[in-house]
Amino acid sequence: MTDANLTMAEAFLLLSLREEDGKPLIGSTETTTAVAGALLTDLVISGRVSVDDGHVKCVNPAPTGDPELDAALQRIAEEKKERKVKWWVSKLRSDKLRRRLLTRLAERGVLREEHGRVLAVFPTTRYPEQDPVPEQKIRAGLRSAIDGARPDAHTACLFALIHACKLDRKVFPDVAKSLFAQRASEMAEGEWAGEAVRKVIAEVQAATTAVIVAATTATTVSAAGGS
């Protein structure tokens, strides 16, 4: 977990929303894909699954105590074939999962759930920040790593996810684009990281990017076909 009380998926969601009004900083495709990648990453770091030659394998089915992580772990454990990281990222991504995590953050007082309507007709729910401390801690850790400090495994993996979704530029608009790419490479290849962490950073980042591109392309083609 990235913070004592947050999973990596929850940490990503906090960063993906504008604090004052809860407006998303990136598209739903990017968000749901990264959340799925975050679940896998937390399971690897906790020693529940491994990534070998691009394939995900359950190595310890013991529950983590987090319902969303445990649900993902059970699906991986029950899958008869060893599937690739990209397959699992695509399989686990879900807007329902995103909403459940947002609701959980609101129930814990980190976010505030606000209901409204677009054009006075379509219902909408926003999640502005209520307790700024958790996100401030996450940002501080990421900022320190961007500035050259040695990151822990959670910070490095979270940075890989926000970089894959181009959320890093939204969260830290004052940082040069070239520095993000440099730091992403350094974190993925750094000697500080164990082999398991290096593998999951590389695999999940690549899978997240690939799934986003595929989903975006499919949506574009579908829209063009219907026009």
Protein backbone atom coordinates (compact mmCIF):
# COMPACT_ATOMS: atom_id res chain seq x y z
CA MET A 1 0.00 0.00 0.00
CA THR A 2 1.15 3.51 -0.83
CA ASP A 3 -0.06 5.04 2.43
CA ALA A 4 -0.74 3.29 5.72
CA ASN A 5 -4.47 3.41 4.96
CA LEU A 6 -4.61 3.47 1.16
CA THR A 7 -4.19 0.88 -1.54
CA MET A 8 -2.33 1.92 -4.67
CA ALA A 9 -5.62 2.01 -6.59
CA GLU A 10 -7.06 4.46 -4.05
CA ALA A 11 -3.92 6.58 -4.18
CA PHE A 12 -4.18 6.73 -7.97
CA LEU A 13 -7.84 7.77 -7.78
CA LEU A 14 -7.03 10.62 -5.40
CA LEU A 15 -4.42 11.93 -7.82
CA SER A 16 -6.81 11.57 -10.77
CA LEU A 17 -9.36 14.04 -9.36
CA ARG A 18 -9.17 17.80 -9.02
CA GLU A 19 -9.20 18.52 -5.31
CA GLU A 20 -11.65 21.41 -5.18
CA ASP A 21 -14.51 19.96 -7.25
CA GLY A 22 -13.71 16.29 -7.89
CA LYS A 23 -13.53 16.78 -11.65
CA PRO A 24 -11.51 14.00 -13.36
CA LEU A 25 -8.12 15.07 -14.70
CA ILE A 26 -7.97 12.21 -17.23
CA GLY A 27 -10.49 10.09 -19.14
CA SER A 28 -12.41 7.14 -17.72
CA THR A 29 -10.51 4.69 -19.95
CA GLU A 30 -7.18 5.78 -18.50
CA THR A 31 -8.52 5.76 -14.94
CA THR A 32 -10.17 2.32 -14.98
CA THR A 33 -7.15 0.78 -16.71
CA ALA A 34 -4.67 2.23 -14.22
CA VAL A 35 -6.81 1.13 -11.27
CA ALA A 36 -6.70 -2.45 -12.58
CA GLY A 37 -2.92 -2.17 -12.96
CA ALA A 38 -2.70 -0.85 -9.42
CA LEU A 39 -4.55 -3.89 -8.05
CA LEU A 40 -2.07 -6.21 -9.74
CA THR A 41 0.85 -4.15 -8.50
CA ASP A 42 -0.31 -4.26 -4.88
CA LEU A 43 -0.76 -8.04 -5.14
CA VAL A 44 2.80 -8.44 -6.44
CA ILE A 45 4.31 -6.20 -3.76
CA SER A 46 2.36 -8.05 -1.05
CA GLY A 47 3.77 -11.36 -2.30
CA ARG A 48 0.41 -12.79 -3.39
CA VAL A 49 1.17 -13.02 -7.11
CA SER A 50 4.30 -13.03 -9.24
CA VAL A 51 5.05 -11.86 -12.76
CA ASP A 52 7.30 -14.19 -14.73
CA ASP A 53 7.95 -13.84 -18.45
CA GLY A 54 4.99 -11.48 -18.66
CA HIS A 55 2.59 -13.96 -17.03
CA VAL A 56 0.74 -13.52 -13.74
CA LYS A 57 0.76 -16.41 -11.27
CA CYS A 58 -0.79 -16.75 -7.82
CA VAL A 59 1.95 -17.78 -5.36
CA ASN A 60 0.10 -17.15 -2.09
CA PRO A 61 -3.73 -17.19 -1.99
CA ALA A 62 -3.89 -15.93 1.61
CA PRO A 63 -6.30 -12.94 1.86
CA THR A 64 -4.79 -9.48 2.18
CA GLY A 65 -7.70 -8.16 4.23
CA ASP A 66 -8.75 -5.70 1.53
CA PRO A 67 -11.96 -6.83 -0.23
CA GLU A 68 -11.06 -5.50 -3.67
CA LEU A 69 -7.54 -6.92 -3.61
CA ASP A 70 -8.86 -10.24 -2.33
CA ALA A 71 -11.51 -10.42 -5.05
CA ALA A 72 -8.82 -9.88 -7.71
CA LEU A 73 -6.55 -12.41 -6.01
CA GLN A 74 -9.30 -15.02 -6.01
CA ARG A 75 -9.94 -14.51 -9.71
CA ILE A 76 -6.26 -14.96 -10.47
CA ALA A 77 -6.01 -18.05 -8.25
CA GLU A 78 -9.05 -19.66 -9.89
CA GLU A 79 -7.98 -18.95 -13.49
CA LYS A 80 -6.92 -22.27 -15.03
CA LYS A 81 -4.39 -20.74 -17.43
CA GLU A 82 -1.53 -18.40 -16.64
CA ARG A 83 -2.49 -15.16 -18.31
CA LYS A 84 -0.37 -12.20 -19.31
CA VAL A 85 -0.35 -8.93 -17.42
CA LYS A 86 -2.15 -7.16 -20.26
CA TRP A 87 -4.93 -9.78 -20.17
CA TRP A 88 -5.46 -9.25 -16.45
CA VAL A 89 -5.35 -5.47 -16.67
CA SER A 90 -8.04 -5.64 -19.35
CA LYS A 91 -10.05 -8.22 -17.38
CA LEU A 92 -9.96 -6.38 -14.05
CA ARG A 93 -10.68 -2.88 -15.37
CA SER A 94 -14.19 -1.82 -14.45
CA ASP A 95 -16.06 1.41 -13.88
CA LYS A 96 -17.96 -0.34 -11.10
CA LEU A 97 -14.65 -1.00 -9.36
CA ARG A 98 -13.71 2.67 -9.72
CA ARG A 99 -17.03 3.75 -8.21
CA ARG A 100 -16.73 1.30 -5.32
CA LEU A 101 -13.30 2.63 -4.44
CA LEU A 102 -14.50 6.24 -4.65
CA THR A 103 -17.45 5.41 -2.39
CA ARG A 104 -15.07 3.74 0.06
CA LEU A 105 -12.87 6.85 0.14
CA ALA A 106 -15.96 8.99 0.76
CA GLU A 107 -17.12 6.71 3.59
CA ARG A 108 -13.71 7.13 5.21
CA GLY A 109 -13.91 10.91 4.97
CA VAL A 110 -11.09 11.34 2.46
CA LEU A 111 -13.48 12.46 -0.30
CA ARG A 112 -16.96 14.00 -0.20
CA GLU A 113 -19.71 12.52 -2.37
CA GLU A 114 -21.77 15.18 -4.14
CA HIS A 115 -24.74 14.41 -6.37
CA GLY A 116 -25.98 16.72 -9.12
CA ARG A 117 -27.33 16.83 -12.66
CA VAL A 118 -25.82 17.84 -15.98
CA LEU A 119 -28.11 20.11 -18.01
CA ALA A 120 -30.63 19.60 -15.18
CA VAL A 121 -31.35 16.12 -16.58
CA PHE A 122 -28.47 13.65 -16.38
CA PRO A 123 -27.42 12.56 -12.87
CA THR A 124 -23.78 12.93 -11.96
CA THR A 125 -21.63 12.27 -8.90
CA ARG A 126 -18.48 14.18 -8.05
CA TYR A 127 -15.91 13.48 -5.35
CA PRO A 128 -14.17 16.66 -4.14
CA GLU A 129 -11.51 16.28 -1.50
CA GLN A 130 -12.53 16.48 2.14
CA ASP A 131 -9.35 15.45 3.96
CA PRO A 132 -6.29 16.73 2.04
CA VAL A 133 -3.68 14.96 4.18
CA PRO A 134 -3.60 11.55 2.41
CA GLU A 135 -3.10 13.08 -1.04
CA GLN A 136 -0.56 15.57 0.29
CA LYS A 137 1.53 12.66 1.60
CA ILE A 138 1.28 10.83 -1.74
CA ARG A 139 2.26 13.93 -3.70
CA ALA A 140 5.17 14.61 -1.36
CA GLY A 141 6.56 11.12 -1.90
CA LEU A 142 6.21 11.37 -5.67
CA ARG A 143 7.69 14.87 -5.75
CA SER A 144 10.69 13.72 -3.74
CA ALA A 145 11.28 10.86 -6.21
CA ILE A 146 10.95 13.22 -9.19
CA ASP A 147 13.52 15.50 -7.57
CA GLY A 148 15.97 12.59 -7.38
CA ALA A 149 15.36 10.91 -4.03
CA ARG A 150 15.43 7.12 -3.87
CA PRO A 151 11.77 5.96 -3.95
CA ASP A 152 10.26 3.00 -2.17
CA ALA A 153 8.58 0.27 -4.22
CA HIS A 154 5.09 1.73 -3.84
CA THR A 155 6.11 5.21 -4.91
CA ALA A 156 8.00 3.90 -7.93
CA CYS A 157 5.08 1.74 -9.05
CA LEU A 158 2.56 4.54 -8.55
CA PHE A 159 4.75 6.88 -10.58
CA ALA A 160 4.88 4.29 -13.38
CA LEU A 161 1.08 4.24 -13.47
CA ILE A 162 0.56 8.00 -13.52
CA HIS A 163 3.26 8.27 -16.18
CA ALA A 164 1.58 5.62 -18.38
CA CYS A 165 -1.68 7.60 -18.21
CA LYS A 166 0.01 10.98 -18.68
CA LEU A 167 -1.46 11.97 -15.34
CA ASP A 168 2.01 13.01 -14.14
CA ARG A 169 1.78 16.17 -16.26
CA LYS A 170 -1.56 17.06 -14.66
CA VAL A 171 -0.41 16.41 -11.09
CA PHE A 172 2.93 18.20 -11.50
CA PRO A 173 2.43 20.78 -14.30
CA ASP A 174 5.62 22.62 -13.35
CA VAL A 175 7.87 19.64 -14.14
CA ALA A 176 9.41 19.31 -17.61
CA LYS A 177 7.99 16.50 -19.75
CA SER A 178 11.47 15.16 -20.46
CA LEU A 179 12.16 14.78 -16.73
CA PHE A 180 9.11 12.56 -16.27
CA ALA A 181 10.41 10.14 -18.92
CA GLN A 182 13.87 10.18 -17.39
CA ARG A 183 12.61 9.49 -13.88
CA ALA A 184 10.25 6.75 -15.09
CA SER A 185 13.19 4.96 -16.70
CA GLU A 186 15.39 5.38 -13.63
CA MET A 187 12.72 4.09 -11.26
CA ALA A 188 12.01 1.06 -13.42
CA GLU A 189 15.67 0.12 -13.78
CA GLY A 190 17.12 1.27 -10.48
CA GLU A 191 19.31 -1.11 -8.53
CA TRP A 192 17.34 -0.29 -5.36
CA ALA A 193 14.39 -2.30 -6.66
CA GLY A 194 14.11 -6.04 -6.25
CA GLU A 195 13.61 -8.18 -9.32
CA ALA A 196 9.89 -8.62 -8.63
CA VAL A 197 9.35 -4.87 -8.39
CA ARG A 198 11.32 -4.17 -11.58
CA LYS A 199 9.24 -6.75 -13.43
CA VAL A 200 5.91 -5.42 -12.25
CA ILE A 201 6.84 -1.81 -13.04
CA ALA A 202 7.85 -2.70 -16.59
CA GLU A 203 5.00 -5.12 -17.26
CA VAL A 204 2.16 -3.13 -15.71
CA GLN A 205 3.29 0.14 -17.30
CA ALA A 206 3.50 -1.49 -20.74
CA ALA A 207 0.18 -3.30 -20.27
CA THR A 208 -1.61 -0.18 -19.04
CA THR A 209 -0.42 1.80 -22.06
CA ALA A 210 -1.39 -0.99 -24.46
CA VAL A 211 -4.88 -1.44 -23.01
CA ILE A 212 -5.52 2.32 -23.07
CA VAL A 213 -4.44 2.55 -26.71
CA ALA A 214 -6.56 -0.45 -27.70
CA ALA A 215 -9.65 0.80 -25.85
CA THR A 216 -9.28 4.34 -27.23
CA THR A 217 -8.82 3.04 -30.78
CA ALA A 218 -11.89 0.81 -30.47
CA THR A 219 -13.98 3.72 -29.23
CA THR A 220 -12.78 5.96 -32.06
CA VAL A 221 -13.51 3.33 -34.72
CA SER A 222 -16.97 2.66 -33.24
CA ALA A 223 -17.79 6.37 -33.20
CA ALA A 224 -16.61 6.79 -36.79
CA GLY A 225 -18.68 3.82 -37.91
CA GLY A 226 -21.79 5.23 -36.34
CA SER A 227 -21.40 8.69 -37.85
